[in-house]
């Protein structure tokens, strides 16, 4: 009987692997960090040889630092009175509200 007890005590405890969802999330995060490390390694290599400066000269950013250009047709219409630039839609909405309030006050 003592030998059976000693055999059980000498064996390694049973282990259970963590469930699949956490393993897949951990694996995905690990892959993303490894990929980001490769990107940073390439950036470092470019910076050490001066290629990043050459690339910045070839493809510069826009003058205002924006990532995209804005089509002028999408910009809201405006007009300028003196040195103040006004949005037409905002002026029309404000005038409409004021006229409605004035009409309501006159009705009472």
N, C-alpha and C. Protein backbone atom coordinates (compact mmCIF):
# COMPACT_ATOMS: atom_id res chain seq x y z
N UNK A 1 0.82 -1.19 0.00
CA UNK A 1 0.00 0.00 0.00
C UNK A 1 0.87 1.25 0.00
N UNK A 2 1.96 1.20 0.67
CA UNK A 2 2.85 2.34 0.74
C UNK A 2 3.46 2.64 -0.62
N UNK A 3 3.68 1.62 -1.42
CA UNK A 3 4.27 1.85 -2.72
C UNK A 3 3.29 2.55 -3.66
N UNK A 4 2.01 2.23 -3.54
CA UNK A 4 1.00 2.88 -4.39
C UNK A 4 0.92 4.36 -4.03
N UNK A 5 0.95 4.66 -2.74
CA UNK A 5 0.89 6.04 -2.32
C UNK A 5 2.12 6.82 -2.78
N UNK A 6 3.30 6.20 -2.73
CA UNK A 6 4.52 6.85 -3.19
C UNK A 6 4.49 7.07 -4.71
N UNK A 7 3.92 6.12 -5.46
CA UNK A 7 3.82 6.28 -6.91
C UNK A 7 2.93 7.46 -7.26
N UNK A 8 1.82 7.63 -6.53
CA UNK A 8 0.91 8.75 -6.77
C UNK A 8 1.57 10.06 -6.41
N UNK A 9 2.34 10.09 -5.37
CA UNK A 9 3.00 11.32 -4.93
C UNK A 9 4.12 11.74 -5.88
N UNK A 10 4.74 10.81 -6.56
CA UNK A 10 5.86 11.11 -7.45
C UNK A 10 5.39 11.57 -8.83
N UNK A 11 4.14 11.36 -9.18
CA UNK A 11 3.65 11.76 -10.49
C UNK A 11 3.38 13.27 -10.52
N UNK A 12 3.54 13.85 -11.70
CA UNK A 12 3.26 15.28 -11.86
C UNK A 12 1.75 15.50 -11.83
N UNK A 13 1.32 16.61 -11.30
CA UNK A 13 -0.13 16.86 -11.25
C UNK A 13 -0.68 17.07 -12.66
N UNK A 14 -1.93 16.72 -12.84
CA UNK A 14 -2.58 16.89 -14.14
C UNK A 14 -2.82 18.37 -14.40
N UNK A 15 -2.57 18.78 -15.63
CA UNK A 15 -2.79 20.18 -15.99
C UNK A 15 -3.84 20.25 -17.08
N UNK A 16 -4.53 21.36 -17.09
CA UNK A 16 -5.56 21.59 -18.10
C UNK A 16 -5.17 22.83 -18.88
N UNK A 17 -5.19 22.71 -20.20
CA UNK A 17 -4.86 23.85 -21.04
C UNK A 17 -6.01 24.87 -20.99
N UNK A 18 -5.65 26.16 -21.07
CA UNK A 18 -6.67 27.22 -21.05
C UNK A 18 -7.54 27.11 -22.30
N UNK A 19 -8.79 27.50 -22.18
CA UNK A 19 -9.77 27.37 -23.26
C UNK A 19 -9.41 28.12 -24.52
N UNK A 20 -9.99 27.73 -25.63
CA UNK A 20 -9.64 28.18 -26.96
C UNK A 20 -9.80 29.67 -27.23
N UNK A 21 -10.81 30.32 -26.67
CA UNK A 21 -11.04 31.73 -26.97
C UNK A 21 -9.88 32.59 -26.50
N UNK A 22 -9.44 32.38 -25.27
CA UNK A 22 -8.35 33.19 -24.73
C UNK A 22 -7.04 32.91 -25.45
N UNK A 23 -6.85 31.65 -25.84
CA UNK A 23 -5.63 31.31 -26.59
C UNK A 23 -5.62 32.00 -27.94
N UNK A 24 -6.77 32.05 -28.62
CA UNK A 24 -6.81 32.70 -29.93
C UNK A 24 -6.63 34.21 -29.80
N UNK A 25 -7.21 34.82 -28.78
CA UNK A 25 -7.03 36.26 -28.57
C UNK A 25 -5.56 36.56 -28.26
N UNK A 26 -4.97 35.75 -27.39
CA UNK A 26 -3.57 35.94 -27.04
C UNK A 26 -2.68 35.75 -28.26
N UNK A 27 -2.97 34.76 -29.08
CA UNK A 27 -2.19 34.52 -30.29
C UNK A 27 -2.32 35.67 -31.27
N UNK A 28 -3.55 36.21 -31.43
CA UNK A 28 -3.75 37.35 -32.33
C UNK A 28 -3.00 38.58 -31.87
N UNK A 29 -3.04 38.86 -30.57
CA UNK A 29 -2.31 40.01 -30.03
C UNK A 29 -0.81 39.82 -30.18
N UNK A 30 -0.35 38.62 -29.97
CA UNK A 30 1.07 38.33 -30.13
C UNK A 30 1.51 38.53 -31.58
N UNK A 31 0.70 38.06 -32.52
CA UNK A 31 1.02 38.25 -33.94
C UNK A 31 1.03 39.73 -34.31
N UNK A 32 0.07 40.50 -33.79
CA UNK A 32 0.02 41.93 -34.08
C UNK A 32 1.25 42.65 -33.53
N UNK A 33 1.66 42.31 -32.33
CA UNK A 33 2.86 42.93 -31.74
C UNK A 33 4.12 42.55 -32.52
N UNK A 34 4.19 41.31 -32.98
CA UNK A 34 5.35 40.90 -33.78
C UNK A 34 5.38 41.66 -35.10
N UNK A 35 4.21 41.85 -35.73
CA UNK A 35 4.15 42.59 -36.99
C UNK A 35 4.54 44.05 -36.76
N UNK A 36 4.05 44.65 -35.69
CA UNK A 36 4.40 46.05 -35.38
C UNK A 36 5.90 46.17 -35.11
N UNK A 37 6.49 45.16 -34.47
CA UNK A 37 7.93 45.17 -34.24
C UNK A 37 8.71 45.16 -35.55
N UNK A 38 8.21 44.42 -36.55
CA UNK A 38 8.87 44.41 -37.85
C UNK A 38 8.76 45.77 -38.54
N UNK A 39 7.58 46.41 -38.41
CA UNK A 39 7.41 47.75 -38.99
C UNK A 39 8.38 48.73 -38.35
N UNK A 40 8.50 48.70 -37.04
CA UNK A 40 9.42 49.59 -36.35
C UNK A 40 10.87 49.28 -36.71
N UNK A 41 11.19 48.03 -36.95
CA UNK A 41 12.54 47.66 -37.35
C UNK A 41 12.86 48.24 -38.72
N UNK A 42 11.89 48.20 -39.64
CA UNK A 42 12.09 48.78 -40.97
C UNK A 42 12.23 50.30 -40.87
N UNK A 43 11.39 50.93 -40.04
CA UNK A 43 11.51 52.38 -39.84
C UNK A 43 12.88 52.75 -39.29
N UNK A 44 13.37 51.97 -38.35
CA UNK A 44 14.69 52.24 -37.78
C UNK A 44 15.79 52.09 -38.80
N UNK A 45 15.67 51.07 -39.67
CA UNK A 45 16.68 50.89 -40.71
C UNK A 45 16.65 52.05 -41.70
N UNK A 46 15.45 52.53 -42.06
CA UNK A 46 15.35 53.68 -42.97
C UNK A 46 15.93 54.93 -42.32
N UNK A 47 15.65 55.14 -41.04
CA UNK A 47 16.15 56.32 -40.35
C UNK A 47 17.67 56.30 -40.23
N UNK A 48 18.23 55.12 -40.05
CA UNK A 48 19.69 55.05 -39.88
C UNK A 48 20.44 55.31 -41.18
N UNK A 49 19.80 55.05 -42.32
CA UNK A 49 20.47 55.27 -43.61
C UNK A 49 20.05 56.57 -44.28
N UNK A 50 19.08 57.27 -43.71
CA UNK A 50 18.63 58.52 -44.29
C UNK A 50 17.55 58.36 -45.34
N UNK A 51 17.04 57.15 -45.54
CA UNK A 51 16.00 56.92 -46.54
C UNK A 51 14.68 57.56 -46.16
N UNK A 52 14.43 57.76 -44.86
CA UNK A 52 13.18 58.39 -44.46
C UNK A 52 13.12 59.85 -44.90
N UNK A 53 14.25 60.53 -44.89
CA UNK A 53 14.29 61.92 -45.35
C UNK A 53 14.07 61.99 -46.86
N UNK A 54 14.69 61.05 -47.58
CA UNK A 54 14.50 61.00 -49.04
C UNK A 54 13.03 60.73 -49.37
N UNK A 55 12.42 59.81 -48.64
CA UNK A 55 11.01 59.48 -48.88
C UNK A 55 10.13 60.68 -48.56
N UNK A 56 10.44 61.43 -47.54
CA UNK A 56 9.65 62.61 -47.19
C UNK A 56 9.76 63.68 -48.27
N UNK A 57 10.93 63.78 -48.92
CA UNK A 57 11.10 64.76 -50.00
C UNK A 57 10.33 64.34 -51.25
N UNK A 58 10.27 63.05 -51.53
CA UNK A 58 9.60 62.55 -52.73
C UNK A 58 8.08 62.64 -52.59
N UNK A 59 7.56 62.27 -51.44
CA UNK A 59 6.10 62.32 -51.23
C UNK A 59 5.80 63.17 -49.99
N UNK A 60 5.81 64.50 -50.14
CA UNK A 60 5.58 65.37 -48.98
C UNK A 60 4.12 65.37 -48.56
N UNK A 61 3.90 65.78 -47.34
CA UNK A 61 2.54 65.96 -46.84
C UNK A 61 1.93 67.19 -47.50
N UNK A 62 0.62 67.31 -47.37
CA UNK A 62 -0.03 68.51 -47.89
C UNK A 62 0.39 69.72 -47.06
N UNK A 63 0.22 70.88 -47.61
CA UNK A 63 0.69 72.11 -46.95
C UNK A 63 0.01 72.31 -45.59
N UNK A 64 -1.27 71.96 -45.49
CA UNK A 64 -1.97 72.17 -44.23
C UNK A 64 -1.89 70.96 -43.30
N UNK A 65 -1.17 69.93 -43.71
CA UNK A 65 -1.02 68.75 -42.86
C UNK A 65 -2.19 67.80 -42.92
N UNK A 66 -3.17 68.06 -43.76
CA UNK A 66 -4.33 67.18 -43.86
C UNK A 66 -3.96 65.92 -44.62
N UNK A 67 -4.64 64.86 -44.32
CA UNK A 67 -4.38 63.60 -45.01
C UNK A 67 -5.12 63.51 -46.33
N UNK A 68 -6.20 64.24 -46.47
CA UNK A 68 -6.98 64.21 -47.71
C UNK A 68 -7.28 65.62 -48.15
N UNK A 69 -7.57 65.78 -49.41
CA UNK A 69 -7.98 67.09 -49.91
C UNK A 69 -9.49 67.17 -49.88
N UNK A 70 -10.00 68.36 -49.74
CA UNK A 70 -11.44 68.57 -49.67
C UNK A 70 -11.89 69.17 -50.98
N UNK A 71 -12.90 68.55 -51.57
CA UNK A 71 -13.45 69.06 -52.83
C UNK A 71 -14.18 70.37 -52.54
N UNK A 72 -13.95 71.37 -53.35
CA UNK A 72 -14.58 72.67 -53.12
C UNK A 72 -16.10 72.60 -53.27
N UNK A 73 -16.61 71.65 -54.05
CA UNK A 73 -18.06 71.52 -54.20
C UNK A 73 -18.72 71.09 -52.90
N UNK A 74 -17.97 70.43 -52.02
CA UNK A 74 -18.52 69.95 -50.76
C UNK A 74 -18.49 71.01 -49.66
N UNK A 75 -17.73 72.06 -49.87
CA UNK A 75 -17.62 73.11 -48.87
C UNK A 75 -18.90 73.95 -48.93
N UNK A 76 -19.45 74.26 -47.77
CA UNK A 76 -20.70 75.01 -47.74
C UNK A 76 -20.51 76.42 -48.29
N UNK A 77 -21.53 76.95 -48.95
CA UNK A 77 -21.41 78.29 -49.54
C UNK A 77 -21.30 79.36 -48.46
N UNK A 78 -20.54 80.40 -48.76
CA UNK A 78 -20.38 81.49 -47.81
C UNK A 78 -20.17 82.79 -48.57
N UNK A 79 -20.37 83.87 -47.89
CA UNK A 79 -20.09 85.16 -48.47
C UNK A 79 -19.40 86.02 -47.43
N UNK A 80 -18.78 87.09 -47.88
CA UNK A 80 -17.97 87.90 -46.99
C UNK A 80 -18.55 89.30 -46.91
N UNK A 81 -18.75 89.75 -45.67
CA UNK A 81 -19.21 91.11 -45.42
C UNK A 81 -18.09 91.80 -44.65
N UNK A 82 -17.43 92.73 -45.30
CA UNK A 82 -16.28 93.38 -44.68
C UNK A 82 -15.16 92.37 -44.53
N UNK A 83 -14.71 92.17 -43.31
CA UNK A 83 -13.66 91.19 -43.07
C UNK A 83 -14.20 89.91 -42.44
N UNK A 84 -15.53 89.81 -42.33
CA UNK A 84 -16.15 88.65 -41.70
C UNK A 84 -16.71 87.72 -42.77
N UNK A 85 -16.30 86.46 -42.73
CA UNK A 85 -16.80 85.47 -43.66
C UNK A 85 -17.98 84.74 -43.01
N UNK A 86 -19.13 84.71 -43.70
CA UNK A 86 -20.34 84.13 -43.12
C UNK A 86 -20.83 82.96 -43.95
N UNK A 87 -21.36 81.96 -43.27
CA UNK A 87 -21.93 80.80 -43.92
C UNK A 87 -23.37 81.12 -44.31
N UNK A 88 -23.72 80.94 -45.59
CA UNK A 88 -25.06 81.30 -46.05
C UNK A 88 -26.14 80.47 -45.37
N UNK A 89 -25.91 79.18 -45.24
CA UNK A 89 -26.92 78.31 -44.62
C UNK A 89 -27.20 78.73 -43.18
N UNK A 90 -26.16 79.10 -42.45
CA UNK A 90 -26.34 79.52 -41.06
C UNK A 90 -27.10 80.84 -40.99
N UNK A 91 -26.79 81.77 -41.89
CA UNK A 91 -27.49 83.05 -41.91
C UNK A 91 -28.97 82.85 -42.24
N UNK A 92 -29.26 82.01 -43.24
CA UNK A 92 -30.66 81.75 -43.62
C UNK A 92 -31.43 81.09 -42.48
N UNK A 93 -30.81 80.14 -41.79
CA UNK A 93 -31.48 79.47 -40.67
C UNK A 93 -31.75 80.45 -39.53
N UNK A 94 -30.77 81.30 -39.23
CA UNK A 94 -30.95 82.28 -38.16
C UNK A 94 -32.05 83.28 -38.52
N UNK A 95 -32.05 83.75 -39.77
CA UNK A 95 -33.09 84.69 -40.20
C UNK A 95 -34.47 84.04 -40.15
N UNK A 96 -34.57 82.77 -40.53
CA UNK A 96 -35.85 82.07 -40.47
C UNK A 96 -36.37 81.93 -39.06
N UNK A 97 -35.49 81.62 -38.13
CA UNK A 97 -35.89 81.49 -36.73
C UNK A 97 -36.34 82.84 -36.18
N UNK A 98 -35.59 83.90 -36.48
CA UNK A 98 -35.96 85.23 -36.00
C UNK A 98 -37.29 85.68 -36.58
N UNK A 99 -37.52 85.44 -37.87
CA UNK A 99 -38.80 85.81 -38.47
C UNK A 99 -39.95 85.03 -37.87
N UNK A 100 -39.74 83.74 -37.58
CA UNK A 100 -40.78 82.93 -36.96
C UNK A 100 -41.09 83.46 -35.56
N UNK A 101 -40.08 83.77 -34.78
CA UNK A 101 -40.30 84.32 -33.44
C UNK A 101 -41.00 85.68 -33.50
N UNK A 102 -40.63 86.51 -34.45
CA UNK A 102 -41.26 87.82 -34.60
C UNK A 102 -42.74 87.65 -34.97
N UNK A 103 -43.02 86.73 -35.89
CA UNK A 103 -44.41 86.48 -36.29
C UNK A 103 -45.23 85.94 -35.12
N UNK A 104 -44.67 85.05 -34.33
CA UNK A 104 -45.37 84.51 -33.18
C UNK A 104 -45.64 85.59 -32.13
N UNK A 105 -44.71 86.50 -31.97
CA UNK A 105 -44.90 87.58 -30.99
C UNK A 105 -46.00 88.54 -31.47
N UNK A 106 -46.07 88.79 -32.77
CA UNK A 106 -47.10 89.70 -33.31
C UNK A 106 -48.48 89.08 -33.23
N UNK A 107 -48.59 87.75 -33.29
CA UNK A 107 -49.89 87.08 -33.25
C UNK A 107 -50.47 87.19 -31.85
N UNK A 108 -49.74 87.18 -30.84
CA UNK A 108 -50.26 87.22 -29.48
C UNK A 108 -50.74 88.54 -29.16
